[in-house]
Structures are given as C-alpha cells and as structure tokens.
C-alpha cells in the first residue's frame, strides 16, 4: 500500500513564521492606524486626533484579541505538522491539536465581532457620543469551518480508537 506524506518542511516553516508574524503585524498596523491615522471604528472611520488616548488604547486592546487567537491557531497547526512529521497521525495528541484548532477558529470568529461591539460601547462612554455605534456582522464562514474542524477532530478520535482496537485483535 502506498504511503502518503502529510508533513511538509516548507509548510511547517511557513506556519512557524506566521504564528508570530500575523498577530504581531496585525496588532502593529492596528496600533499605528488607531494612534495616528483614520482607524476603522464602529460607525465608520474616525480622525485619530479627535479621540482620547484611553479610547485609542481600549480599541487597540479589544481588536488585538482576534489576531492573538489566530496566532494560537497557527501554533496548533505547526504543532500538528510536527506530530505528522514524527509519524503520529492517528494518535491522541494529533486529535487534541485538531480539536483545539477548531475551537480556536470558532473563538476567533466570535472574538472579532464581540471586540468590535465592545469597542463601540467604549467609544460611546468615553467619547460622549449621541448614539451607540453598534455594528454587528456575523461571519458564518469562519464559524462554519471551525465547527467542521471540530467535527473532523472527533472523527479522527474515533478512527484513532478503532485503530487501537484493531491492533489489539490479531
């Protein structure tokens, strides 16, 4: 039976770099845009010079949650690839990594939206706005993919248990 190589050194290197680069770059860009440019705030872009420092800091902190979750998800992918490189495909640690990736993807999908809602409330209270700038868009694609990855983790878990049972019945 031919074997399939799941592990790729290039892919592992890419995920190793991206797990740090994506969150740090995202946070740096959001910080610069919020402090000096025209940040994309709930209710539309705003002139950063008109915002209080506390509002800017709160906005940067709230919008940094999603990229940190994305970095954690990339870390789990990198660790999964390392397990595959060691030949551990249908093992409990691989199943745990897949399950964590799905949970982190669902959390990422929801955190981005919750952070934007919270930023709108912070702006309302700190900037003395006349109306609450609540903007909410649920991105179902990321949420759906996260749930599918969780399901795949469960299927891999069942396959792992079946492989263990088959190895015991010889």
C-alpha atoms as a PDB file:
ATOM      1  CA  UNK A   1       0.000   0.000   0.000  1.00  0.00           C
ATOM      2  CA  UNK A   2       1.496   3.393  -0.944  1.00  0.00           C
ATOM      3  CA  UNK A   3       2.145   5.863   1.839  1.00  0.00           C
ATOM      4  CA  UNK A   4       1.047   9.469   1.732  1.00  0.00           C
ATOM      5  CA  UNK A   5       3.357  12.132   3.075  1.00  0.00           C
ATOM      6  CA  UNK A   6       1.332  14.612   5.111  1.00  0.00           C
ATOM      7  CA  UNK A   7       4.236  16.586   6.512  1.00  0.00           C
ATOM      8  CA  UNK A   8       5.962  19.282   4.502  1.00  0.00           C
ATOM      9  CA  UNK A   9       9.065  21.052   5.806  1.00  0.00           C
ATOM     10  CA  UNK A  10       8.117  24.201   3.881  1.00  0.00           C
ATOM     11  CA  UNK A  11       4.598  24.258   5.273  1.00  0.00           C
ATOM     12  CA  UNK A  12       5.946  23.717   8.767  1.00  0.00           C
ATOM     13  CA  UNK A  13       8.389  26.601   8.295  1.00  0.00           C
ATOM     14  CA  UNK A  14       5.616  28.849   6.972  1.00  0.00           C
ATOM     15  CA  UNK A  15       3.364  28.103   9.954  1.00  0.00           C
ATOM     16  CA  UNK A  16       6.282  28.596  12.359  1.00  0.00           C
ATOM     17  CA  UNK A  17       6.869  32.090  10.955  1.00  0.00           C
ATOM     18  CA  UNK A  18       3.204  33.011  10.569  1.00  0.00           C
ATOM     19  CA  UNK A  19       2.288  32.049  14.125  1.00  0.00           C
ATOM     20  CA  UNK A  20       4.310  35.059  15.281  1.00  0.00           C
ATOM     21  CA  UNK A  21       4.240  37.335  12.252  1.00  0.00           C
ATOM     22  CA  UNK A  22       0.474  37.510  11.706  1.00  0.00           C
ATOM     23  CA  UNK A  23      -0.553  38.618  15.217  1.00  0.00           C
ATOM     24  CA  UNK A  24       2.366  40.999  15.673  1.00  0.00           C
ATOM     25  CA  UNK A  25       1.933  42.652  12.273  1.00  0.00           C
ATOM     26  CA  UNK A  26      -1.835  42.880  12.692  1.00  0.00           C
ATOM     27  CA  UNK A  27      -1.521  44.494  16.126  1.00  0.00           C
ATOM     28  CA  UNK A  28       1.217  46.867  14.931  1.00  0.00           C
ATOM     29  CA  UNK A  29      -0.863  48.030  11.959  1.00  0.00           C
ATOM     30  CA  UNK A  30      -3.972  48.460  14.121  1.00  0.00           C
ATOM     31  CA  UNK A  31      -1.975  50.418  16.694  1.00  0.00           C
ATOM     32  CA  UNK A  32      -0.459  52.786  14.132  1.00  0.00           C
ATOM     33  CA  UNK A  33      -3.818  53.287  12.417  1.00  0.00           C
ATOM     34  CA  UNK A  34      -5.561  53.960  15.723  1.00  0.00           C
ATOM     35  CA  UNK A  35      -2.932  56.297  17.134  1.00  0.00           C
ATOM     36  CA  UNK A  36      -2.055  58.302  14.015  1.00  0.00           C
ATOM     37  CA  UNK A  37      -4.389  57.571  11.124  1.00  0.00           C
ATOM     38  CA  UNK A  38      -8.047  57.046  10.484  1.00  0.00           C
ATOM     39  CA  UNK A  39      -8.965  53.848  12.338  1.00  0.00           C
ATOM     40  CA  UNK A  40     -11.904  51.752  11.206  1.00  0.00           C
ATOM     41  CA  UNK A  41     -14.100  52.208  14.266  1.00  0.00           C
ATOM     42  CA  UNK A  42     -17.665  51.037  14.829  1.00  0.00           C
ATOM     43  CA  UNK A  43     -19.800  53.541  12.986  1.00  0.00           C
ATOM     44  CA  UNK A  44     -17.170  54.253  10.329  1.00  0.00           C
ATOM     45  CA  UNK A  45     -13.656  55.672  10.105  1.00  0.00           C
ATOM     46  CA  UNK A  46     -12.698  58.426  12.535  1.00  0.00           C
ATOM     47  CA  UNK A  47      -9.955  61.000  12.793  1.00  0.00           C
ATOM     48  CA  UNK A  48      -7.496  59.688  15.393  1.00  0.00           C
ATOM     49  CA  UNK A  49      -6.598  63.198  16.555  1.00  0.00           C
ATOM     50  CA  UNK A  50     -10.146  63.656  17.871  1.00  0.00           C
ATOM     51  CA  UNK A  51     -10.127  60.534  20.069  1.00  0.00           C
ATOM     52  CA  UNK A  52      -8.982  60.397  23.677  1.00  0.00           C
ATOM     53  CA  UNK A  53      -5.921  58.286  24.486  1.00  0.00           C
ATOM     54  CA  UNK A  54      -7.997  55.948  26.676  1.00  0.00           C
ATOM     55  CA  UNK A  55     -10.348  55.285  23.746  1.00  0.00           C
ATOM     56  CA  UNK A  56      -7.426  54.541  21.450  1.00  0.00           C
ATOM     57  CA  UNK A  57      -5.825  52.140  23.927  1.00  0.00           C
ATOM     58  CA  UNK A  58      -9.122  50.357  24.586  1.00  0.00           C
ATOM     59  CA  UNK A  59      -9.755  49.985  20.866  1.00  0.00           C
ATOM     60  CA  UNK A  60      -6.267  48.569  20.222  1.00  0.00           C
ATOM     61  CA  UNK A  61      -6.556  46.116  23.141  1.00  0.00           C
ATOM     62  CA  UNK A  62     -10.019  44.923  22.118  1.00  0.00           C
ATOM     63  CA  UNK A  63      -9.122  44.456  18.472  1.00  0.00           C
ATOM     64  CA  UNK A  64      -5.908  42.597  19.388  1.00  0.00           C
ATOM     65  CA  UNK A  65      -7.787  39.611  20.796  1.00  0.00           C
ATOM     66  CA  UNK A  66      -8.720  38.122  17.407  1.00  0.00           C
ATOM     67  CA  UNK A  67      -5.173  38.194  15.956  1.00  0.00           C
ATOM     68  CA  UNK A  68      -3.819  36.597  19.120  1.00  0.00           C
ATOM     69  CA  UNK A  69      -6.335  33.766  18.726  1.00  0.00           C
ATOM     70  CA  UNK A  70      -5.287  33.427  15.090  1.00  0.00           C
ATOM     71  CA  UNK A  71      -1.652  33.158  16.204  1.00  0.00           C
ATOM     72  CA  UNK A  72      -2.595  30.422  18.679  1.00  0.00           C
ATOM     73  CA  UNK A  73      -4.432  28.579  15.921  1.00  0.00           C
ATOM     74  CA  UNK A  74      -1.358  28.763  13.677  1.00  0.00           C
ATOM     75  CA  UNK A  75       0.736  27.460  16.589  1.00  0.00           C
ATOM     76  CA  UNK A  76      -1.575  24.459  16.912  1.00  0.00           C
ATOM     77  CA  UNK A  77      -1.255  23.844  13.161  1.00  0.00           C
ATOM     78  CA  UNK A  78       2.531  23.983  13.438  1.00  0.00           C
ATOM     79  CA  UNK A  79       2.499  21.518  16.341  1.00  0.00           C
ATOM     80  CA  UNK A  80       0.171  19.238  14.375  1.00  0.00           C
ATOM     81  CA  UNK A  81       2.574  19.262  11.426  1.00  0.00           C
ATOM     82  CA  UNK A  82       5.428  18.344  13.769  1.00  0.00           C
ATOM     83  CA  UNK A  83       3.378  15.403  15.040  1.00  0.00           C
ATOM     84  CA  UNK A  84       2.742  14.314  11.459  1.00  0.00           C
ATOM     85  CA  UNK A  85       6.464  14.564  10.757  1.00  0.00           C
ATOM     86  CA  UNK A  86       7.076  12.151  13.619  1.00  0.00           C
ATOM     87  CA  UNK A  87       4.571   9.721  12.063  1.00  0.00           C
ATOM     88  CA  UNK A  88       1.877  10.374  14.670  1.00  0.00           C
ATOM     89  CA  UNK A  89      -1.214  10.745  12.501  1.00  0.00           C
ATOM     90  CA  UNK A  90      -3.916   8.697  14.224  1.00  0.00           C
ATOM     91  CA  UNK A  91      -2.845   9.461  17.773  1.00  0.00           C
ATOM     92  CA  UNK A  92      -4.493  11.204  20.697  1.00  0.00           C
ATOM     93  CA  UNK A  93      -2.136  14.238  20.614  1.00  0.00           C
ATOM     94  CA  UNK A  94      -2.964  14.837  16.926  1.00  0.00           C
ATOM     95  CA  UNK A  95      -6.679  14.624  17.685  1.00  0.00           C
ATOM     96  CA  UNK A  96      -6.285  17.137  20.518  1.00  0.00           C
ATOM     97  CA  UNK A  97      -4.455  19.565  18.204  1.00  0.00           C
ATOM     98  CA  UNK A  98      -7.178  19.322  15.543  1.00  0.00           C
ATOM     99  CA  UNK A  99      -9.900  19.856  18.138  1.00  0.00           C
ATOM    100  CA  UNK A 100      -8.072  22.900  19.574  1.00  0.00           C
ATOM    101  CA  UNK A 101      -7.700  24.373  16.083  1.00  0.00           C
ATOM    102  CA  UNK A 102     -11.467  24.120  15.570  1.00  0.00           C
ATOM    103  CA  UNK A 103     -12.253  25.675  18.936  1.00  0.00           C
ATOM    104  CA  UNK A 104      -9.763  28.496  18.301  1.00  0.00           C
ATOM    105  CA  UNK A 105     -11.279  29.152  14.870  1.00  0.00           C
ATOM    106  CA  UNK A 106     -14.776  29.409  16.363  1.00  0.00           C
ATOM    107  CA  UNK A 107     -13.409  31.676  19.117  1.00  0.00           C
ATOM    108  CA  UNK A 108     -11.620  33.803  16.502  1.00  0.00           C
ATOM    109  CA  UNK A 109     -14.818  34.197  14.513  1.00  0.00           C
ATOM    110  CA  UNK A 110     -16.775  35.308  17.567  1.00  0.00           C
ATOM    111  CA  UNK A 111     -14.000  37.364  19.226  1.00  0.00           C
ATOM    112  CA  UNK A 112     -13.622  39.640  16.245  1.00  0.00           C
ATOM    113  CA  UNK A 113     -17.305  40.550  16.352  1.00  0.00           C
ATOM    114  CA  UNK A 114     -17.551  40.829  20.140  1.00  0.00           C
ATOM    115  CA  UNK A 115     -14.464  43.069  20.219  1.00  0.00           C
ATOM    116  CA  UNK A 116     -15.996  45.404  17.638  1.00  0.00           C
ATOM    117  CA  UNK A 117     -19.228  45.601  19.650  1.00  0.00           C
ATOM    118  CA  UNK A 118     -17.286  46.263  22.859  1.00  0.00           C
ATOM    119  CA  UNK A 119     -15.223  48.946  21.106  1.00  0.00           C
ATOM    120  CA  UNK A 120     -18.463  50.663  20.094  1.00  0.00           C
ATOM    121  CA  UNK A 121     -19.623  50.697  23.719  1.00  0.00           C
ATOM    122  CA  UNK A 122     -16.239  52.004  24.908  1.00  0.00           C
ATOM    123  CA  UNK A 123     -16.413  54.823  22.372  1.00  0.00           C
ATOM    124  CA  UNK A 124     -19.938  55.643  23.452  1.00  0.00           C
ATOM    125  CA  UNK A 125     -18.953  56.038  27.094  1.00  0.00           C
ATOM    126  CA  UNK A 126     -15.529  57.665  26.668  1.00  0.00           C
ATOM    127  CA  UNK A 127     -16.219  59.973  23.721  1.00  0.00           C
ATOM    128  CA  UNK A 128     -19.702  61.089  24.831  1.00  0.00           C
ATOM    129  CA  UNK A 129     -21.348  60.145  21.550  1.00  0.00           C
ATOM    130  CA  UNK A 130     -25.029  60.865  20.958  1.00  0.00           C
ATOM    131  CA  UNK A 131     -25.846  57.311  19.859  1.00  0.00           C
ATOM    132  CA  UNK A 132     -24.281  53.920  20.479  1.00  0.00           C
ATOM    133  CA  UNK A 133     -22.250  52.871  17.393  1.00  0.00           C
ATOM    134  CA  UNK A 134     -23.206  49.205  17.426  1.00  0.00           C
ATOM    135  CA  UNK A 135     -22.245  47.417  14.244  1.00  0.00           C
ATOM    136  CA  UNK A 136     -22.574  43.662  14.136  1.00  0.00           C
ATOM    137  CA  UNK A 137     -21.863  41.350  11.235  1.00  0.00           C
ATOM    138  CA  UNK A 138     -21.674  37.643  11.876  1.00  0.00           C
ATOM    139  CA  UNK A 139     -19.187  35.960   9.551  1.00  0.00           C
ATOM    140  CA  UNK A 140     -20.663  32.496   9.223  1.00  0.00           C
ATOM    141  CA  UNK A 141     -17.863  31.145   7.004  1.00  0.00           C
ATOM    142  CA  UNK A 142     -15.218  31.102   9.728  1.00  0.00           C
ATOM    143  CA  UNK A 143     -17.714  29.831  12.278  1.00  0.00           C
ATOM    144  CA  UNK A 144     -18.848  27.025   9.966  1.00  0.00           C
ATOM    145  CA  UNK A 145     -15.267  25.993   9.125  1.00  0.00           C
ATOM    146  CA  UNK A 146     -14.399  25.945  12.826  1.00  0.00           C
ATOM    147  CA  UNK A 147     -17.320  23.639  13.544  1.00  0.00           C
ATOM    148  CA  UNK A 148     -16.298  21.375  10.656  1.00  0.00           C
ATOM    149  CA  UNK A 149     -12.734  21.185  12.022  1.00  0.00           C
ATOM    150  CA  UNK A 150     -14.115  20.228  15.451  1.00  0.00           C
ATOM    151  CA  UNK A 151     -16.185  17.525  13.744  1.00  0.00           C
ATOM    152  CA  UNK A 152     -13.103  16.277  11.871  1.00  0.00           C
ATOM    153  CA  UNK A 153     -11.258  16.107  15.190  1.00  0.00           C
ATOM    154  CA  UNK A 154     -13.996  13.899  16.588  1.00  0.00           C
ATOM    155  CA  UNK A 155     -13.887  11.665  13.508  1.00  0.00           C
ATOM    156  CA  UNK A 156     -10.091  11.400  13.846  1.00  0.00           C
ATOM    157  CA  UNK A 157     -10.600  10.483  17.514  1.00  0.00           C
ATOM    158  CA  UNK A 158     -12.956   7.668  16.573  1.00  0.00           C
ATOM    159  CA  UNK A 159     -10.514   6.477  13.893  1.00  0.00           C
ATOM    160  CA  UNK A 160      -7.739   6.517  16.486  1.00  0.00           C
ATOM    161  CA  UNK A 161      -9.801   4.366  18.870  1.00  0.00           C
ATOM    162  CA  UNK A 162     -10.712   1.986  16.040  1.00  0.00           C
ATOM    163  CA  UNK A 163      -7.036   1.656  15.104  1.00  0.00           C
ATOM    164  CA  UNK A 164      -6.188   0.823  18.721  1.00  0.00           C
ATOM    165  CA  UNK A 165      -8.932  -1.823  18.822  1.00  0.00           C
ATOM    166  CA  UNK A 166      -7.749  -3.347  15.546  1.00  0.00           C
ATOM    167  CA  UNK A 167      -4.165  -3.525  16.757  1.00  0.00           C
ATOM    168  CA  UNK A 168      -5.324  -5.474  19.830  1.00  0.00           C
ATOM    169  CA  UNK A 169      -7.372  -8.034  17.853  1.00  0.00           C
ATOM    170  CA  UNK A 170      -4.861 -10.016  15.869  1.00  0.00           C
END
